[in-house]
Structure formats: structure tokens, C-alpha cells
C-alpha atoms as a PDB file:
ATOM      1  CA  MET A   1     -84.779  -4.767 -29.443  1.00  0.00           C
ATOM      2  CA  PRO A   2     -84.672  -5.470 -33.107  1.00  0.00           C
ATOM      3  CA  THR A   3     -81.356  -3.655 -33.526  1.00  0.00           C
ATOM      4  CA  ILE A   4     -79.511  -5.517 -30.741  1.00  0.00           C
ATOM      5  CA  ILE A   5     -81.135  -8.594 -32.266  1.00  0.00           C
ATOM      6  CA  LEU A   6     -79.406  -7.768 -35.598  1.00  0.00           C
ATOM      7  CA  ARG A   7     -76.348  -6.670 -33.920  1.00  0.00           C
ATOM      8  CA  THR A   8     -75.820 -10.094 -32.015  1.00  0.00           C
ATOM      9  CA  VAL A   9     -76.358 -12.121 -35.149  1.00  0.00           C
ATOM     10  CA  PHE A  10     -73.873  -9.924 -37.252  1.00  0.00           C
ATOM     11  CA  MET A  11     -71.308 -10.151 -34.481  1.00  0.00           C
ATOM     12  CA  PHE A  12     -71.710 -13.684 -33.707  1.00  0.00           C
ATOM     13  CA  ILE A  13     -70.880 -13.974 -37.901  1.00  0.00           C
ATOM     14  CA  MET A  14     -68.261 -11.823 -37.364  1.00  0.00           C
ATOM     15  CA  ILE A  15     -66.424 -13.897 -34.521  1.00  0.00           C
ATOM     16  CA  ALA A  16     -66.924 -17.171 -36.340  1.00  0.00           C
ATOM     17  CA  ILE A  17     -65.334 -15.521 -39.183  1.00  0.00           C
ATOM     18  CA  VAL A  18     -62.438 -14.692 -37.378  1.00  0.00           C
ATOM     19  CA  ILE A  19     -61.999 -18.028 -35.932  1.00  0.00           C
ATOM     20  CA  ARG A  20     -62.197 -19.598 -38.991  1.00  0.00           C
ATOM     21  CA  PHE A  21     -59.679 -17.168 -40.400  1.00  0.00           C
ATOM     22  CA  SER A  22     -57.296 -18.137 -37.716  1.00  0.00           C
ATOM     23  CA  GLY A  23     -57.241 -21.612 -39.329  1.00  0.00           C
ATOM     24  CA  LYS A  24     -58.235 -23.529 -36.290  1.00  0.00           C
ATOM     25  CA  LYS A  25     -61.276 -26.052 -36.018  1.00  0.00           C
ATOM     26  CA  GLN A  26     -61.462 -26.216 -32.294  1.00  0.00           C
ATOM     27  CA  LEU A  27     -60.576 -23.320 -29.829  1.00  0.00           C
ATOM     28  CA  LYS A  28     -58.177 -25.922 -27.949  1.00  0.00           C
ATOM     29  CA  ASP A  29     -56.036 -25.787 -31.243  1.00  0.00           C
ATOM     30  CA  CYS A  30     -55.401 -21.883 -31.191  1.00  0.00           C
ATOM     31  CA  SER A  31     -52.241 -20.707 -30.151  1.00  0.00           C
ATOM     32  CA  LEU A  32     -51.542 -17.785 -27.736  1.00  0.00           C
ATOM     33  CA  LEU A  33     -51.804 -15.338 -30.408  1.00  0.00           C
ATOM     34  CA  ASP A  34     -54.952 -16.622 -31.980  1.00  0.00           C
ATOM     35  CA  LEU A  35     -56.523 -16.302 -28.353  1.00  0.00           C
ATOM     36  CA  VAL A  36     -55.779 -12.842 -28.035  1.00  0.00           C
ATOM     37  CA  MET A  37     -57.336 -12.193 -31.270  1.00  0.00           C
ATOM     38  CA  VAL A  38     -60.511 -13.960 -30.413  1.00  0.00           C
ATOM     39  CA  LEU A  39     -60.618 -12.427 -26.833  1.00  0.00           C
ATOM     40  CA  MET A  40     -60.096  -8.872 -28.436  1.00  0.00           C
ATOM     41  CA  VAL A  41     -62.869  -9.346 -31.151  1.00  0.00           C
ATOM     42  CA  THR A  42     -64.978 -10.960 -28.537  1.00  0.00           C
ATOM     43  CA  GLU A  43     -65.126  -7.927 -26.445  1.00  0.00           C
ATOM     44  CA  LEU A  44     -65.500  -5.385 -29.498  1.00  0.00           C
ATOM     45  CA  ALA A  45     -68.666  -7.634 -29.967  1.00  0.00           C
ATOM     46  CA  ILE A  46     -69.787  -6.900 -26.724  1.00  0.00           C
ATOM     47  CA  ILE A  47     -69.413  -3.323 -26.575  1.00  0.00           C
ATOM     48  CA  SER A  48     -71.034  -3.105 -29.885  1.00  0.00           C
ATOM     49  CA  ILE A  49     -74.370  -5.365 -28.545  1.00  0.00           C
ATOM     50  CA  THR A  50     -74.305  -3.459 -25.504  1.00  0.00           C
ATOM     51  CA  ASN A  51     -74.306   0.385 -27.049  1.00  0.00           C
ATOM     52  CA  PRO A  52     -76.437   0.072 -30.026  1.00  0.00           C
ATOM     53  CA  LEU A  53     -76.424   3.767 -30.490  1.00  0.00           C
ATOM     54  CA  GLN A  54     -72.764   3.771 -31.454  1.00  0.00           C
ATOM     55  CA  PRO A  55     -72.131   3.182 -35.356  1.00  0.00           C
ATOM     56  CA  LEU A  56     -71.713  -0.337 -36.205  1.00  0.00           C
ATOM     57  CA  LEU A  57     -68.715   0.831 -38.179  1.00  0.00           C
ATOM     58  CA  THR A  58     -66.595   1.730 -35.227  1.00  0.00           C
ATOM     59  CA  MET A  59     -66.426  -1.785 -34.207  1.00  0.00           C
ATOM     60  CA  ILE A  60     -66.057  -3.302 -37.496  1.00  0.00           C
ATOM     61  CA  ALA A  61     -62.967  -1.279 -38.121  1.00  0.00           C
ATOM     62  CA  PRO A  62     -61.097  -2.583 -35.017  1.00  0.00           C
ATOM     63  CA  ILE A  63     -61.816  -6.092 -35.957  1.00  0.00           C
ATOM     64  CA  PHE A  64     -60.006  -5.957 -39.413  1.00  0.00           C
ATOM     65  CA  ILE A  65     -57.166  -4.073 -38.206  1.00  0.00           C
ATOM     66  CA  ILE A  66     -56.645  -6.895 -35.393  1.00  0.00           C
ATOM     67  CA  ILE A  67     -56.673  -9.529 -37.827  1.00  0.00           C
ATOM     68  CA  LEU A  68     -54.345  -7.594 -40.145  1.00  0.00           C
ATOM     69  CA  LEU A  69     -52.082  -6.813 -37.171  1.00  0.00           C
ATOM     70  CA  ARG A  70     -51.944 -10.775 -36.425  1.00  0.00           C
ATOM     71  CA  SER A  71     -50.858 -11.528 -39.693  1.00  0.00           C
ATOM     72  CA  VAL A  72     -48.382  -8.822 -39.991  1.00  0.00           C
ATOM     73  CA  ILE A  73     -47.132 -10.269 -36.350  1.00  0.00           C
ATOM     74  CA  LEU A  74     -46.724 -14.055 -37.731  1.00  0.00           C
ATOM     75  CA  PHE A  75     -45.066 -13.097 -40.797  1.00  0.00           C
ATOM     76  CA  VAL A  76     -42.647 -10.542 -39.495  1.00  0.00           C
ATOM     77  CA  PHE A  77     -41.770 -11.999 -35.815  1.00  0.00           C
ATOM     78  CA  SER A  78     -42.400 -15.642 -36.762  1.00  0.00           C
ATOM     79  CA  LYS A  79     -38.115 -16.421 -36.625  1.00  0.00           C
ATOM     80  CA  LYS A  80     -37.788 -14.185 -33.298  1.00  0.00           C
ATOM     81  CA  VAL A  81     -41.152 -15.315 -31.094  1.00  0.00           C
ATOM     82  CA  SER A  82     -41.354 -18.839 -30.995  1.00  0.00           C
ATOM     83  CA  PHE A  83     -44.614 -19.937 -32.066  1.00  0.00           C
ATOM     84  CA  LYS A  84     -42.969 -23.067 -33.488  1.00  0.00           C
ATOM     85  CA  GLU A  85     -42.811 -26.806 -32.232  1.00  0.00           C
ATOM     86  CA  ALA A  86     -40.434 -27.262 -29.267  1.00  0.00           C
ATOM     87  CA  VAL A  87     -38.697 -30.779 -29.069  1.00  0.00           C
ATOM     88  CA  LEU A  88     -38.233 -31.524 -25.048  1.00  0.00           C
ATOM     89  CA  VAL A  89     -37.429 -35.067 -25.444  1.00  0.00           C
ATOM     90  CA  ASP A  90     -35.407 -36.630 -28.077  1.00  0.00           C
ATOM     91  CA  HIS A  91     -34.661 -40.440 -28.229  1.00  0.00           C
ATOM     92  CA  GLY A  92     -35.177 -40.573 -24.323  1.00  0.00           C
ATOM     93  CA  GLU A  93     -33.038 -37.732 -23.508  1.00  0.00           C
ATOM     94  CA  VAL A  94     -34.279 -34.597 -22.146  1.00  0.00           C
ATOM     95  CA  ASN A  95     -33.429 -31.336 -23.551  1.00  0.00           C
ATOM     96  CA  SER A  96     -32.919 -29.341 -20.659  1.00  0.00           C
ATOM     97  CA  LYS A  97     -32.236 -25.839 -22.522  1.00  0.00           C
ATOM     98  CA  GLU A  98     -35.534 -26.074 -24.529  1.00  0.00           C
ATOM     99  CA  LEU A  99     -37.117 -27.257 -21.120  1.00  0.00           C
ATOM    100  CA  SER A 100     -36.108 -24.157 -19.490  1.00  0.00           C
ATOM    101  CA  ARG A 101     -36.662 -22.065 -22.668  1.00  0.00           C
ATOM    102  CA  GLN A 102     -40.526 -23.037 -22.403  1.00  0.00           C
ATOM    103  CA  LYS A 103     -40.451 -22.092 -18.633  1.00  0.00           C
ATOM    104  CA  MET A 104     -41.510 -26.042 -17.497  1.00  0.00           C
ATOM    105  CA  THR A 105     -39.751 -27.958 -14.879  1.00  0.00           C
ATOM    106  CA  PHE A 106     -39.058 -31.855 -14.971  1.00  0.00           C
ATOM    107  CA  ASP A 107     -41.937 -32.466 -12.744  1.00  0.00           C
ATOM    108  CA  ASP A 108     -44.411 -30.323 -15.088  1.00  0.00           C
ATOM    109  CA  LEU A 109     -42.785 -32.942 -18.288  1.00  0.00           C
ATOM    110  CA  MET A 110     -43.130 -36.241 -15.906  1.00  0.00           C
ATOM    111  CA  THR A 111     -46.922 -35.267 -15.360  1.00  0.00           C
ATOM    112  CA  GLN A 112     -47.702 -34.743 -19.006  1.00  0.00           C
ATOM    113  CA  LEU A 113     -46.094 -38.152 -19.649  1.00  0.00           C
ATOM    114  CA  GLN A 114     -48.035 -39.764 -16.900  1.00  0.00           C
ATOM    115  CA  ARG A 115     -51.307 -38.422 -18.411  1.00  0.00           C
ATOM    116  CA  HIS A 116     -49.931 -40.409 -21.479  1.00  0.00           C
ATOM    117  CA  ASN A 117     -49.540 -43.405 -19.322  1.00  0.00           C
ATOM    118  CA  ILE A 118     -45.627 -43.325 -19.970  1.00  0.00           C
ATOM    119  CA  ARG A 119     -43.851 -43.413 -16.791  1.00  0.00           C
ATOM    120  CA  ASN A 120     -40.078 -43.777 -17.959  1.00  0.00           C
ATOM    121  CA  ILE A 121     -38.308 -41.004 -20.166  1.00  0.00           C
ATOM    122  CA  GLN A 122     -36.521 -43.732 -21.697  1.00  0.00           C
ATOM    123  CA  ASP A 123     -39.735 -44.997 -22.809  1.00  0.00           C
ATOM    124  CA  VAL A 124     -40.068 -41.857 -25.287  1.00  0.00           C
ATOM    125  CA  GLU A 125     -38.938 -41.599 -28.502  1.00  0.00           C
ATOM    126  CA  PHE A 126     -39.829 -37.994 -29.097  1.00  0.00           C
ATOM    127  CA  ALA A 127     -41.828 -35.458 -26.495  1.00  0.00           C
ATOM    128  CA  ILE A 128     -43.023 -32.465 -28.884  1.00  0.00           C
ATOM    129  CA  LEU A 129     -44.582 -29.414 -27.310  1.00  0.00           C
ATOM    130  CA  GLU A 130     -47.132 -28.064 -29.701  1.00  0.00           C
ATOM    131  CA  PRO A 131     -47.721 -24.159 -30.386  1.00  0.00           C
ATOM    132  CA  ASN A 132     -51.344 -24.617 -28.869  1.00  0.00           C
ATOM    133  CA  GLY A 133     -49.372 -26.042 -25.588  1.00  0.00           C
ATOM    134  CA  GLN A 134     -50.376 -29.763 -26.293  1.00  0.00           C
ATOM    135  CA  LEU A 135     -47.730 -32.618 -25.634  1.00  0.00           C
ATOM    136  CA  SER A 136     -47.267 -34.806 -28.606  1.00  0.00           C
ATOM    137  CA  ILE A 137     -45.496 -38.016 -27.695  1.00  0.00           C
ATOM    138  CA  THR A 138     -44.182 -40.376 -29.715  1.00  0.00           C
ATOM    139  CA  PRO A 139     -43.400 -43.529 -27.531  1.00  0.00           C
ATOM    140  CA  ASN A 140     -39.920 -46.109 -28.662  1.00  0.00           C
ATOM    141  CA  SER A 141     -40.187 -49.751 -29.221  1.00  0.00           C
ATOM    142  CA  ARG A 142     -39.174 -50.634 -25.863  1.00  0.00           C
ATOM    143  CA  GLN A 143     -42.512 -48.860 -24.470  1.00  0.00           C
ATOM    144  CA  SER A 144     -44.648 -50.670 -27.002  1.00  0.00           C
ATOM    145  CA  SER A 145     -43.075 -53.931 -26.360  1.00  0.00           C
ATOM    146  CA  ASN A 146     -42.511 -54.228 -22.846  1.00  0.00           C
ATOM    147  CA  LYS A 147     -44.731 -54.134 -19.922  1.00  0.00           C
ATOM    148  CA  GLN A 148     -44.700 -50.596 -18.368  1.00  0.00           C
ATOM    149  CA  GLN A 149     -43.468 -50.843 -14.335  1.00  0.00           C
ATOM    150  CA  ASP A 150     -46.268 -50.213 -11.867  1.00  0.00           C
ATOM    151  CA  THR A 151     -44.627 -47.252 -10.223  1.00  0.00           C
ATOM    152  CA  MET A 152     -43.463 -44.080 -11.276  1.00  0.00           C
ATOM    153  CA  PRO A 153     -39.656 -43.721 -11.140  1.00  0.00           C
ATOM    154  CA  PHE A 154     -38.252 -41.744  -8.583  1.00  0.00           C
ATOM    155  CA  PRO A 155     -36.519 -38.504  -9.477  1.00  0.00           C
ATOM    156  CA  LEU A 156     -33.390 -38.254  -7.344  1.00  0.00           C
ATOM    157  CA  ILE A 157     -31.918 -35.521  -8.807  1.00  0.00           C
ATOM    158  CA  ILE A 158     -33.662 -32.554 -10.760  1.00  0.00           C
ATOM    159  CA  ASN A 159     -31.438 -29.659 -12.256  1.00  0.00           C
ATOM    160  CA  GLY A 160     -28.451 -30.719 -10.062  1.00  0.00           C
ATOM    161  CA  LYS A 161     -30.379 -30.577  -6.588  1.00  0.00           C
ATOM    162  CA  VAL A 162     -30.835 -33.950  -4.829  1.00  0.00           C
ATOM    163  CA  GLN A 163     -34.487 -34.565  -3.905  1.00  0.00           C
ATOM    164  CA  GLU A 164     -34.262 -35.753  -0.404  1.00  0.00           C
ATOM    165  CA  ASP A 165     -37.775 -36.573  -0.055  1.00  0.00           C
ATOM    166  CA  ASN A 166     -37.395 -39.215  -2.858  1.00  0.00           C
ATOM    167  CA  LEU A 167     -34.644 -40.693  -1.140  1.00  0.00           C
ATOM    168  CA  LYS A 168     -36.319 -41.259   1.942  1.00  0.00           C
ATOM    169  CA  LYS A 169     -39.179 -43.244  -0.140  1.00  0.00           C
ATOM    170  CA  ILE A 170     -36.790 -45.751  -1.122  1.00  0.00           C
ATOM    171  CA  HIS A 171     -34.744 -45.511   2.186  1.00  0.00           C
ATOM    172  CA  GLN A 172     -31.536 -44.184   1.472  1.00  0.00           C
ATOM    173  CA  THR A 173     -29.170 -40.874   1.860  1.00  0.00           C
ATOM    174  CA  SER A 174     -27.729 -38.471   0.013  1.00  0.00           C
ATOM    175  CA  LEU A 175     -24.420 -40.129   0.864  1.00  0.00           C
ATOM    176  CA  TRP A 176     -25.394 -43.382  -0.778  1.00  0.00           C
ATOM    177  CA  LEU A 177     -26.304 -41.199  -3.972  1.00  0.00           C
ATOM    178  CA  ARG A 178     -23.287 -39.776  -4.111  1.00  0.00           C
ATOM    179  CA  GLN A 179     -21.367 -43.110  -3.960  1.00  0.00           C
ATOM    180  CA  GLU A 180     -23.555 -44.641  -6.438  1.00  0.00           C
ATOM    181  CA  LEU A 181     -22.836 -41.840  -8.777  1.00  0.00           C
ATOM    182  CA  ARG A 182     -18.961 -41.902  -8.394  1.00  0.00           C
ATOM    183  CA  LYS A 183     -19.331 -45.572  -9.239  1.00  0.00           C
ATOM    184  CA  LEU A 184     -20.834 -44.156 -12.641  1.00  0.00           C
ATOM    185  CA  GLY A 185     -17.967 -41.863 -12.696  1.00  0.00           C
ATOM    186  CA  TYR A 186     -19.972 -38.646 -11.890  1.00  0.00           C
ATOM    187  CA  ARG A 187     -18.615 -36.425  -9.019  1.00  0.00           C
ATOM    188  CA  ASP A 188     -20.402 -33.382  -9.608  1.00  0.00           C
ATOM    189  CA  ILE A 189     -24.309 -33.549  -8.999  1.00  0.00           C
ATOM    190  CA  LYS A 190     -24.776 -30.081 -10.517  1.00  0.00           C
ATOM    191  CA  GLU A 191     -23.803 -31.483 -13.752  1.00  0.00           C
ATOM    192  CA  ILE A 192     -26.759 -33.431 -14.018  1.00  0.00           C
ATOM    193  CA  ALA A 193     -30.098 -32.383 -15.154  1.00  0.00           C
ATOM    194  CA  TYR A 194     -31.849 -35.295 -13.941  1.00  0.00           C
ATOM    195  CA  LEU A 195     -31.754 -38.612 -12.519  1.00  0.00           C
ATOM    196  CA  VAL A 196     -34.295 -41.319 -11.833  1.00  0.00           C
ATOM    197  CA  MET A 197     -34.375 -44.651 -10.739  1.00  0.00           C
ATOM    198  CA  ASP A 198     -37.019 -47.159 -11.822  1.00  0.00           C
ATOM    199  CA  ASP A 199     -38.550 -49.935  -9.517  1.00  0.00           C
ATOM    200  CA  LYS A 200     -35.527 -52.282 -10.378  1.00  0.00           C
ATOM    201  CA  GLY A 201     -32.890 -49.977  -9.223  1.00  0.00           C
ATOM    202  CA  THR A 202     -31.900 -48.937 -12.772  1.00  0.00           C
ATOM    203  CA  PHE A 203     -30.455 -45.485 -13.049  1.00  0.00           C
ATOM    204  CA  TYR A 204     -31.605 -43.280 -16.063  1.00  0.00           C
ATOM    205  CA  MET A 205     -29.781 -39.783 -16.517  1.00  0.00           C
ATOM    206  CA  ASP A 206     -29.629 -36.875 -18.362  1.00  0.00           C
ATOM    207  CA  LEU A 207     -26.539 -34.107 -18.233  1.00  0.00           C
ATOM    208  CA  ASN A 208     -26.621 -30.422 -18.287  1.00  0.00           C
ATOM    209  CA  HIS A 209     -25.503 -29.270 -21.665  1.00  0.00           C
ATOM    210  CA  ASP A 210     -24.657 -25.967 -20.565  1.00  0.00           C
END
């Protein structure tokens, strides 16, 4: 029993050191690579505690190897593997390529914005996806000075596809939408990454930049 207690205390200290080594104060701030490292070290700690007859050195050595491997990955592959910030919205315009690269949909982005009480893309100066998965949002002056609308703007086109359900909500048809787009000079819906209409009937859109 004393051996198990000592091993538990020792491995607890080791895990705390590993988390501190990652430079993160909270687990939610950890990147994917940091989380993998913490999970692997935790698993090794459990094995060490539940197998008191196994030499402690056989558990400590892999922990240092994991820490070293993390440092090597960050150093060698930092330019090839994306651990950097990703700008999803720039001055009210969605970066469609970056959104696709991050495996996010327009609905995912709007859901995140709604959690920050922002209901319109045009009210966002910058929306940056941090390496830890958190979305940092900088509202623009319009959002700060104007009162927000009470309803969520309806996405009528997402990734070049008409959202028929949303058209029904505003009692309109795809024919009406195409006619409105022609008035604005757009004939091919596929060239539109997204199009929303606010409660005042104003269209906001972003084009595909392929």
C-alpha cells in the first residue's frame, strides 16, 4: 500500500509538470497535440500505479520521450501542420477556403457567432479560430453602435445550394430568389458561398473564391 501511495503522489506531480511544460494554465487552452501528450502521460501513470511491481523507471522514460516528441513535432512540422490561428471572417466577409480547410460549415460558424450574441456576419470585424478550438470574435463599429436585430438572419444559399426550408419560412420560392439575384447581377447560384437576408429584407452575401 505505501508503494501505491508514493507512486500516486509521484505520478500526480509528473502530470502536473507535463501540463505546466505545455505552457497552458487550463486544460481548455490546450491544443490537440497537448491533449494527446497529457492523455498518453495519464495512461502511463495509471499503468504505473496499478502495477507496483513494475520498475518506475520504465514509466518515467516514456514520459520524457513523449515530451521530447512533442517538442520535435512543434519544431519540425509547425509550418506543415496547422497549429496556427485561422481567420474565418475578415471585415464582415467569410473566408470560405479557410472555413472548408477547418472542416466547418456556414451553420457551424453562425452557431458560434450566435453564442457571442452576434446574429449577422456583417457585424463581425474578425472571427479567428484559435489553435485550441475557441473562436475569438472582434465586433465592428456597426455592431457596437446599432441595436441587434431580434431574429437570426435566414441563410438562403449555403455553398451554392438554395436552402428551400428557409425560403418557406419567409414565404418565398427559389424562383423569387433567382430573380432577386439577377437584379443584383448574379445568374449562377453556385458562385455564391452564402447569402443571408436580415429581418429588413436586406441581402448579405459572400462569393466563392475558387
